[in-house]
Each structure stands twice: as structure tokens, then as C-alpha cells.
């Protein structure tokens, strides 16, 4: 163990981004030191060790401490005290393997009679945990939630990252050939997968939920082993996050919310790293809380707070047993009678079953690689998907998301949301319109007439004023949550549950639901959109849905308080 510590290298962070920094990129701090040079930077060391320590005094000197039989300073403590000082209350206490590592480290230090201070013990523990339970030299990068991608193109090539603020950055980390092979194999093992020269290319999900694309050796990647780790936030982004980042505005999300609630199917199109899955996950939070939801993915990425949610993932061919692909999962999912079906991405034969499900009343939300509505339709109609145009017609909405540069920064924006209106009788082409579109000059969104909203209005028996009041109330509700910083997906779903008609009683009394939440000081609530229920100024409630008696209002408020209190206590 001591020999390993002596060969230690410093953590491979290349940048120190100030939270107040806006547009200045971080400086790259190159570290070209060899292992021998890096030995001069031993953790906790006050002198450069030049040879293996031969006794306890030498060991203590190498670690910056003093031997057990000499008088130490007040901050030199025995191993047991060091454990108490630096290891209490950490996240690793919930990890039995990490706890065992800590115990073994303390035992070895005590066994050899070494005296170390808390800082040195913490440093030792950090590197042991990093190498055995973490991701080795990449661990600081993996732990940075601002980094979206980590990639290495081969041995002796620098590792590159994609930072959410500073985009593409080169790091000071590079692997030698053998070390890179070992690291790729280790990533595969952490994901519970096998990679070898005979099977050198795999896609895997790492324990923290990140997605890894791995290649081993030079057969498929001539420069040598390579990897890309695509990281995802521990908690998914919510619609409030999308507003905050400018991907949508509140009015556009209110439109999507109303459409999804009324079972309109939607496809999110976009190029690589456009944020399709992130947006799909955020929009899926508008699915009514009580609905039956089934998600189907190659790699687990979608996260919901719905109680009635079944998540399914594909499985590749194993030594024993058959492979389970998207098509198999989709057929199985339909037997679960889902009200909403979420598919991570459509790209093959499963698309036909997905669109058949649309035609049979299953609301579907999915993504597709395409940079426009025209490209999306072309992909759907041609191989390998090959859907007939009459089947594509069953899709209601298609949102196209792209990466753009604004003010020197790369941002994600929904270019527009298109409605599929059918097949043009004259040309035979699909007819579609764009009721929501992004204006790059002003970085704002414009709206036009929506036939989908008109169909919802007719279905609900609303007049045009009722429809506009409903949209305005939802927009104000989202803006209120934005002002209050409600970005946790569980909390967002709890507020949405209280807003939803099923969470109260019968028809939708949104303003009264939120008002009821504000009457309970422990409910962490939001204010009512569109005014109170008693002053007649509400943009929903009695104006849109008829009069409500005082007794009914009291009952609904009581139910709402009970519901939201239960939800928040459960969370």
C-alpha cells in the first residue's frame, strides 16, 4: 500500500471554475510530470522520499508524521482518532464496501504503529476509495456534475471533456496503452458486462447511471482502446429547469402540458447531444400522476416520480438466454395496458409497433435523431424504419431541439413544435404547421393558431376564452414555480399532483388547489395562478368550469391540503 501511495499522482482537474465566472474559459494547467516526478508530491509529505522506508520512523517521515515512540505534535493522532475526525457522516457510510475499505485502512495503520494526522489519513482514504470504488484518475471529472461527456480517443491522447458552460476542454489526463486497456476492462466490469478482443465493442450503463461506449484493442479502433462516458444528472431536469435555461418558455410548456394531459402523442427530434432525452424526461412529468406509465429504453435514462410507473430496458445476447430488444419490450409493454408509453428512441422495427399503439389509443412520447420535422418524417418513412405515411399521420406533435450559439455560448433551444394535420389531398404529402417557434434574433418564442388546442377545446366544451384562461393559468403556475426555485423533480411532481384534477375531486379546480396548498404552513406551496377562488378573478376555476358552492370549495381545499401534505411527507 505504501508503495502505491508513493507512486500517486495528483487529481486530474484542469480547471477551477469560479462560480461567478461568466464567459471566461478556465485555464488549462498542463501536468506532464512522469510517475517518478510525481512521487515528489506524495500526499501529506514534508520531504521527498527517495527509498522505501525500512522502519516505523522512516514510514512516519514518508507520511509526514512521527513514530509511535517519539513525542508528537498535538495534531498527530492515532489511526482510530483520525477515522473519527475525517470519516464521520460521509456518504460512503451507506456503502458497505467503502466502509470496509476505511476499516482496513485504519487497521493497517494501527497494525504498523504509524501515527498520521487527520489530513494524511483523509488523503490516504481518498486515493483508496478513488481507485477501488470510484473511477481512478477520472473520478474528479465524473464527480463534477457540470461535465456532460468524458472521452479518450486512444493511448497517449489527452482525455477531453464537454463542460456545460465552457463546452469542449482538453484535460491533463492521458493513459498509457496498458493502463487504458485495464481501465476499459474495469469500466465494463463495473457495468456488469464482458469486453474482450473477441467482443471488443460494448455499450454499458455504469453504476452511477452514466452511459459508456467502450472499445478494446486496435481491431475496431486502430489507435487503441477508447471510451466515452456520457454523464447524466443524478436528478433529472424539470420543466422549470428548461424555462430557466431558455430551452422553452412558460407559455410553450403550458401548451405541451395541456396537450400531454389530453393524450396527444409527441416526438422530440434533434441531433446528437441536442438534449432530446433530457427534454423528453422533463415533458413526461406532465403525464397525469395517476396514469399508468411504461418506459422502454436501451440504457436507463428516464426518471419519473409517478407511482404507477414500469421501467424496462433491453438486454443483449448472454451466454445463456436470448437477447431482449426494443421490439420485444414494446410488445410486452402493450400487454400492461399503459396509458402513456415512453420510448427512449425510435430507430428500427419497433417504430411500427409504436405507431400502431398510437392508433389504438396509447399516448406515446419518444425521441428520434433528426434536425427538422422534414428529416424526422423522412427517417420514419424510409428504411430501416419504413412506416407508411398513413401511419405517420397518427403522430400529433413533433418538437425539434437543436444546439445554437448565442453570445459566444452554446445553448439548447426548441426550434419549434409542429402539429401533424394529416395528408394533403392534392400532393399526398404530410400537412403540418408550427404553432410554437423560436425567434433567434430576439431569443424568444412566438405562437400561432393551433388545431390541436382547438380539438382539446371542442373535447372539453370550452369557449375560446376558457381555453386562453386555462393556458394562462398553467403558464402563471409554471412561472410561480420558477420564481420559487422549484427544480427538484419530486417536489415539482407534488405541486403538479395538487394542481391536477385527480388530486382534488372530479373536475379541475386549479386555482383552489394551489390556494389550499398555501393555507398549510408546512406544505411548501405555491401561490394560486390567476387570483383567489373567492374574488372571481380566477383565470380557471369557476370561470372555466362552472360555479362551485362554498361547501364544495371547503371540501376540495381540505382534500388538497391532505393530499399535498401526504405527498411531501412521503417524499
Foldseek 3Di string as FASTA:
>chain_A
DVVVLLLDADQFDQFDDDPPDAQDDGHGDADPDDSVVRSQVRFCAPGRDDDDDDAQQSVQNRNVFGALPDDGDPQWAQLVVLCVVPPPPDPCVVPVVLVVVSVVLSVVRVVRRHIHGNRSSVVVSVQVCCVPVHLHSCRVVQPDQQWFKWKDQAAPGFIWTQGNWNGIDTINDGHHQVRLLVSLQVQQVQQVHGADPVRFWDWGAHPLRWIKTWGAACPVRVRGIMMMTGDDDSFAWAVLVCCVQLQANLLVLLVLLLLVCVQAAEEEEEAPPLCRLSVLLRSCLSHALAFAEEEEEQGDDHDAPRPNYHYYHWAPDDPDDHTGDRLNVLVVVVVVVGQEYEYAEDQAQSVVVVLVVLVVRRHYYYYYYDQDPVRVVVRCCDPPNNDDPQSVLSHAKYWGKYWDDDPNTIGIYGQFMKGFDQADPVPRHTDIDTQWGADVVVSHIHGDDDVSLVVVCVVVVWDPLLSVLSSQQSSVVSVQCSVVVPTRNLLVSLQSNLQDCVQFDPDGQRQLSQCLLVVDPPLSGTHGGQDHPPPPRRSHHCVTPNDDDPVSSVRRSVSSNVSSVVSVVVD
